[in-house]
Amino acid sequence: MSQRPTMGGWIKLHRRIAETPLFKHNKTAMMVFVHLLIFANEHGRWAGGRFQLADLCKINPSTLYSTLKRLENDKIITLESNNKWTLISICNWSKYQQQININFNNKSTTGQQQINTLIRSKNKNKNIGTFKETKKEFGLGYLKAKKKAEEIKERV
C-alpha cells in the first residue's frame, strides 16, 4: 500500500510554523513535516515505509524514525504501523489545508464592490443624513476624512 507522493496541486504553509517549539529547535522535524505535507493525500495521510520516506527526505532512516516519534509525541502527527507500512496522519489537516473556493470569494468581492460603488454614487451629490446612516454606509474612515476636509476648508 505504499503511496508515491503526488507532485500536483498546492499545500498551505503558514509562517507560524517557524514558531512551533519543536520546529524552532529541530530543523529536521520541520523538514520532515513539510515533506509529509507535500506527500500527504487529500485527507492528510501518507502510507509507506520508513526507508522509503527517509529516501524521499534524504535523511538516515534511524534519524527519520526518531523524528517521527518526536512529531507524534508533540501531537503533530499520528502513526499507525503494521508489518508492511506505516500510516502517517497529519493532525488538524483540514484546519491547515482547508479548501477555499476562490471563484466564490471573487464573485462575492466583485458583487460587494459594485454595491459599494452604487451607494457612493447615489450619495455623492446628496447631503449625508445622520451619523448612524453615514457610519453604516461609508464607515468611520469616511467621517474622519470628511471632518478633516472641513477643517482644512475652514482654514483657507
C-alpha atoms as a PDB file:
ATOM      1  CA  MET A   1       0.000   0.000   0.000  1.00  0.00           C
ATOM      2  CA  SER A   2       2.964   2.296  -0.400  1.00  0.00           C
ATOM      3  CA  GLN A   3       1.876   5.657  -1.787  1.00  0.00           C
ATOM      4  CA  ARG A   4       4.106   7.650  -4.071  1.00  0.00           C
ATOM      5  CA  PRO A   5       3.980  11.364  -3.428  1.00  0.00           C
ATOM      6  CA  THR A   6       1.735  13.272  -5.780  1.00  0.00           C
ATOM      7  CA  MET A   7       3.507  16.226  -7.295  1.00  0.00           C
ATOM      8  CA  GLY A   8       0.433  18.162  -8.421  1.00  0.00           C
ATOM      9  CA  GLY A   9      -1.509  20.804  -6.541  1.00  0.00           C
ATOM     10  CA  TRP A  10      -0.766  23.165  -3.703  1.00  0.00           C
ATOM     11  CA  ILE A  11      -0.219  22.964   0.027  1.00  0.00           C
ATOM     12  CA  LYS A  12      -0.519  25.778   2.555  1.00  0.00           C
ATOM     13  CA  LEU A  13       2.386  26.575   4.814  1.00  0.00           C
ATOM     14  CA  HIS A  14       1.836  29.283   7.394  1.00  0.00           C
ATOM     15  CA  ARG A  15       4.754  31.387   8.637  1.00  0.00           C
ATOM     16  CA  ARG A  16       3.736  30.494  12.177  1.00  0.00           C
ATOM     17  CA  ILE A  17       5.274  27.053  11.612  1.00  0.00           C
ATOM     18  CA  ALA A  18       8.627  28.618  12.500  1.00  0.00           C
ATOM     19  CA  GLU A  19       7.227  29.499  15.955  1.00  0.00           C
ATOM     20  CA  THR A  20       6.276  25.906  16.838  1.00  0.00           C
ATOM     21  CA  PRO A  21       8.576  24.950  19.751  1.00  0.00           C
ATOM     22  CA  LEU A  22       9.658  21.640  18.202  1.00  0.00           C
ATOM     23  CA  PHE A  23      10.363  23.211  14.824  1.00  0.00           C
ATOM     24  CA  LYS A  24      12.237  26.126  16.395  1.00  0.00           C
ATOM     25  CA  HIS A  25      14.828  23.794  17.876  1.00  0.00           C
ATOM     26  CA  ASN A  26      14.688  20.847  15.491  1.00  0.00           C
ATOM     27  CA  LYS A  27      15.068  21.752  11.813  1.00  0.00           C
ATOM     28  CA  THR A  28      14.991  18.064  10.844  1.00  0.00           C
ATOM     29  CA  ALA A  29      11.500  17.772  12.350  1.00  0.00           C
ATOM     30  CA  MET A  30      10.353  20.803  10.389  1.00  0.00           C
ATOM     31  CA  MET A  31      11.840  19.427   7.172  1.00  0.00           C
ATOM     32  CA  VAL A  32      10.171  16.025   7.673  1.00  0.00           C
ATOM     33  CA  PHE A  33       6.834  17.694   8.495  1.00  0.00           C
ATOM     34  CA  VAL A  34       6.984  19.826   5.334  1.00  0.00           C
ATOM     35  CA  HIS A  35       7.752  16.702   3.303  1.00  0.00           C
ATOM     36  CA  LEU A  36       4.766  14.974   4.891  1.00  0.00           C
ATOM     37  CA  LEU A  37       2.565  17.933   3.943  1.00  0.00           C
ATOM     38  CA  ILE A  38       3.794  17.617   0.366  1.00  0.00           C
ATOM     39  CA  PHE A  39       3.418  13.831   0.172  1.00  0.00           C
ATOM     40  CA  ALA A  40       0.089  13.522   2.030  1.00  0.00           C
ATOM     41  CA  ASN A  41      -3.107  12.715   0.176  1.00  0.00           C
ATOM     42  CA  GLU A  42      -6.219  14.894   0.276  1.00  0.00           C
ATOM     43  CA  HIS A  43      -7.052  13.514   3.733  1.00  0.00           C
ATOM     44  CA  GLY A  44      -3.660  14.353   5.232  1.00  0.00           C
ATOM     45  CA  ARG A  45      -2.343  10.791   5.234  1.00  0.00           C
ATOM     46  CA  TRP A  46       0.688   9.100   3.797  1.00  0.00           C
ATOM     47  CA  ALA A  47       1.317   5.352   3.840  1.00  0.00           C
ATOM     48  CA  GLY A  48       4.727   3.906   3.236  1.00  0.00           C
ATOM     49  CA  GLY A  49       7.845   2.543   4.807  1.00  0.00           C
ATOM     50  CA  ARG A  50      10.382   4.288   6.975  1.00  0.00           C
ATOM     51  CA  PHE A  51      13.147   3.622   4.459  1.00  0.00           C
ATOM     52  CA  GLN A  52      11.042   4.967   1.610  1.00  0.00           C
ATOM     53  CA  LEU A  53      10.241   8.192   3.499  1.00  0.00           C
ATOM     54  CA  ALA A  54      13.873   8.529   4.623  1.00  0.00           C
ATOM     55  CA  ASP A  55      14.933   8.262   0.981  1.00  0.00           C
ATOM     56  CA  LEU A  56      12.355  10.884  -0.081  1.00  0.00           C
ATOM     57  CA  CYS A  57      13.535  13.230   2.708  1.00  0.00           C
ATOM     58  CA  LYS A  58      17.213  12.402   2.062  1.00  0.00           C
ATOM     59  CA  ILE A  59      17.973  11.538   5.716  1.00  0.00           C
ATOM     60  CA  ASN A  60      19.092   8.474   7.646  1.00  0.00           C
ATOM     61  CA  PRO A  61      16.209   6.027   8.427  1.00  0.00           C
ATOM     62  CA  SER A  62      17.036   5.967  12.161  1.00  0.00           C
ATOM     63  CA  THR A  63      17.031   9.797  12.243  1.00  0.00           C
ATOM     64  CA  LEU A  64      13.685   9.742  10.439  1.00  0.00           C
ATOM     65  CA  TYR A  65      12.246   7.256  12.939  1.00  0.00           C
ATOM     66  CA  SER A  66      13.251   9.347  15.970  1.00  0.00           C
ATOM     67  CA  THR A  67      11.940  12.491  14.255  1.00  0.00           C
ATOM     68  CA  LEU A  68       8.582  10.822  13.528  1.00  0.00           C
ATOM     69  CA  LYS A  69       8.356   9.787  17.194  1.00  0.00           C
ATOM     70  CA  ARG A  70       9.002  13.394  18.286  1.00  0.00           C
ATOM     71  CA  LEU A  71       6.303  14.643  15.902  1.00  0.00           C
ATOM     72  CA  GLU A  72       3.925  12.025  17.312  1.00  0.00           C
ATOM     73  CA  ASN A  73       4.749  12.953  20.939  1.00  0.00           C
ATOM     74  CA  ASP A  74       4.011  16.621  20.164  1.00  0.00           C
ATOM     75  CA  LYS A  75       0.676  15.551  18.611  1.00  0.00           C
ATOM     76  CA  ILE A  76       1.600  16.925  15.203  1.00  0.00           C
ATOM     77  CA  ILE A  77       1.149  13.524  13.523  1.00  0.00           C
ATOM     78  CA  THR A  78      -0.216  10.103  14.407  1.00  0.00           C
ATOM     79  CA  LEU A  79       1.472   6.842  13.451  1.00  0.00           C
ATOM     80  CA  GLU A  80      -0.294   3.534  12.781  1.00  0.00           C
ATOM     81  CA  SER A  81       2.088   0.721  11.892  1.00  0.00           C
ATOM     82  CA  ASN A  82       1.736  -2.854  10.735  1.00  0.00           C
ATOM     83  CA  ASN A  83       4.340  -5.274   9.398  1.00  0.00           C
ATOM     84  CA  LYS A  84       4.228  -3.769   5.869  1.00  0.00           C
ATOM     85  CA  TRP A  85       3.884   0.008   6.188  1.00  0.00           C
ATOM     86  CA  THR A  86       3.183   2.926   8.491  1.00  0.00           C
ATOM     87  CA  LEU A  87       0.178   5.159   8.031  1.00  0.00           C
ATOM     88  CA  ILE A  88       1.152   8.706   8.977  1.00  0.00           C
ATOM     89  CA  SER A  89      -1.747  11.098   9.562  1.00  0.00           C
ATOM     90  CA  ILE A  90      -1.232  14.832   9.974  1.00  0.00           C
ATOM     91  CA  CYS A  91      -3.242  16.095  12.930  1.00  0.00           C
ATOM     92  CA  ASN A  92      -5.557  19.036  12.115  1.00  0.00           C
ATOM     93  CA  TRP A  93      -5.018  18.530   8.363  1.00  0.00           C
ATOM     94  CA  SER A  94      -8.385  20.055   7.479  1.00  0.00           C
ATOM     95  CA  LYS A  95      -7.590  23.100   9.618  1.00  0.00           C
ATOM     96  CA  TYR A  96      -4.267  23.652   7.867  1.00  0.00           C
ATOM     97  CA  GLN A  97      -5.226  22.661   4.325  1.00  0.00           C
ATOM     98  CA  GLN A  98      -8.902  23.587   4.049  1.00  0.00           C
ATOM     99  CA  GLN A  99     -10.159  24.119   0.541  1.00  0.00           C
ATOM    100  CA  ILE A 100     -11.332  27.625  -0.289  1.00  0.00           C
ATOM    101  CA  ASN A 101     -13.419  28.213  -3.374  1.00  0.00           C
ATOM    102  CA  ILE A 102     -11.579  31.112  -4.985  1.00  0.00           C
ATOM    103  CA  ASN A 103     -14.304  31.672  -7.595  1.00  0.00           C
ATOM    104  CA  PHE A 104     -16.927  32.099  -4.862  1.00  0.00           C
ATOM    105  CA  ASN A 105     -14.761  34.588  -2.972  1.00  0.00           C
ATOM    106  CA  ASN A 106     -14.024  36.511  -6.158  1.00  0.00           C
ATOM    107  CA  LYS A 107     -17.736  36.721  -7.061  1.00  0.00           C
ATOM    108  CA  SER A 108     -18.748  37.908  -3.601  1.00  0.00           C
ATOM    109  CA  THR A 109     -15.964  40.520  -3.554  1.00  0.00           C
ATOM    110  CA  THR A 110     -16.895  41.779  -7.009  1.00  0.00           C
ATOM    111  CA  GLY A 111     -20.571  41.941  -6.023  1.00  0.00           C
ATOM    112  CA  GLN A 112     -19.752  43.845  -2.829  1.00  0.00           C
ATOM    113  CA  GLN A 113     -17.607  46.325  -4.756  1.00  0.00           C
ATOM    114  CA  GLN A 114     -20.492  47.002  -7.144  1.00  0.00           C
ATOM    115  CA  ILE A 115     -22.908  47.602  -4.242  1.00  0.00           C
ATOM    116  CA  ASN A 116     -20.428  49.928  -2.503  1.00  0.00           C
ATOM    117  CA  THR A 117     -19.875  51.891  -5.735  1.00  0.00           C
ATOM    118  CA  LEU A 118     -23.641  52.250  -6.210  1.00  0.00           C
ATOM    119  CA  ILE A 119     -24.130  53.573  -2.661  1.00  0.00           C
ATOM    120  CA  ARG A 120     -21.308  56.098  -3.055  1.00  0.00           C
ATOM    121  CA  SER A 121     -22.543  57.359  -6.417  1.00  0.00           C
ATOM    122  CA  LYS A 122     -26.125  57.758  -5.128  1.00  0.00           C
ATOM    123  CA  ASN A 123     -24.936  59.811  -2.159  1.00  0.00           C
ATOM    124  CA  LYS A 124     -22.226  61.777  -3.966  1.00  0.00           C
ATOM    125  CA  ASN A 125     -24.258  64.926  -4.547  1.00  0.00           C
ATOM    126  CA  LYS A 126     -26.666  64.360  -1.698  1.00  0.00           C
ATOM    127  CA  ASN A 127     -26.310  65.744   1.809  1.00  0.00           C
ATOM    128  CA  ILE A 128     -25.466  62.830   4.119  1.00  0.00           C
ATOM    129  CA  GLY A 129     -28.053  62.066   6.818  1.00  0.00           C
ATOM    130  CA  THR A 130     -27.406  61.073  10.398  1.00  0.00           C
ATOM    131  CA  PHE A 131     -24.182  59.772  11.908  1.00  0.00           C
ATOM    132  CA  LYS A 132     -25.694  56.280  12.092  1.00  0.00           C
ATOM    133  CA  GLU A 133     -26.501  56.190   8.357  1.00  0.00           C
ATOM    134  CA  THR A 134     -23.100  57.554   7.405  1.00  0.00           C
ATOM    135  CA  LYS A 135     -21.240  55.066   9.594  1.00  0.00           C
ATOM    136  CA  LYS A 136     -23.325  52.225   8.203  1.00  0.00           C
ATOM    137  CA  GLU A 137     -22.886  53.199   4.558  1.00  0.00           C
ATOM    138  CA  PHE A 138     -19.360  54.567   4.460  1.00  0.00           C
ATOM    139  CA  GLY A 139     -17.652  53.543   7.667  1.00  0.00           C
ATOM    140  CA  LEU A 140     -15.858  55.592  10.260  1.00  0.00           C
ATOM    141  CA  GLY A 141     -12.950  56.320   7.887  1.00  0.00           C
ATOM    142  CA  TYR A 142     -15.229  58.401   5.674  1.00  0.00           C
ATOM    143  CA  LEU A 143     -16.359  60.517   8.632  1.00  0.00           C
ATOM    144  CA  LYS A 144     -12.789  61.222   9.713  1.00  0.00           C
ATOM    145  CA  ALA A 145     -11.808  62.195   6.170  1.00  0.00           C
ATOM    146  CA  LYS A 146     -14.870  64.445   5.833  1.00  0.00           C
ATOM    147  CA  LYS A 147     -14.143  66.163   9.166  1.00  0.00           C
ATOM    148  CA  LYS A 148     -10.505  66.736   8.194  1.00  0.00           C
ATOM    149  CA  ALA A 149     -11.592  68.173   4.816  1.00  0.00           C
ATOM    150  CA  GLU A 150     -13.983  70.574   6.585  1.00  0.00           C
ATOM    151  CA  GLU A 151     -11.201  71.709   8.958  1.00  0.00           C
ATOM    152  CA  ILE A 152      -8.894  72.384   6.027  1.00  0.00           C
ATOM    153  CA  LYS A 153     -11.671  74.293   4.237  1.00  0.00           C
ATOM    154  CA  GLU A 154     -12.223  76.496   7.305  1.00  0.00           C
ATOM    155  CA  ARG A 155      -8.502  77.382   7.457  1.00  0.00           C
ATOM    156  CA  VAL A 156      -8.440  78.527   3.830  1.00  0.00           C
END
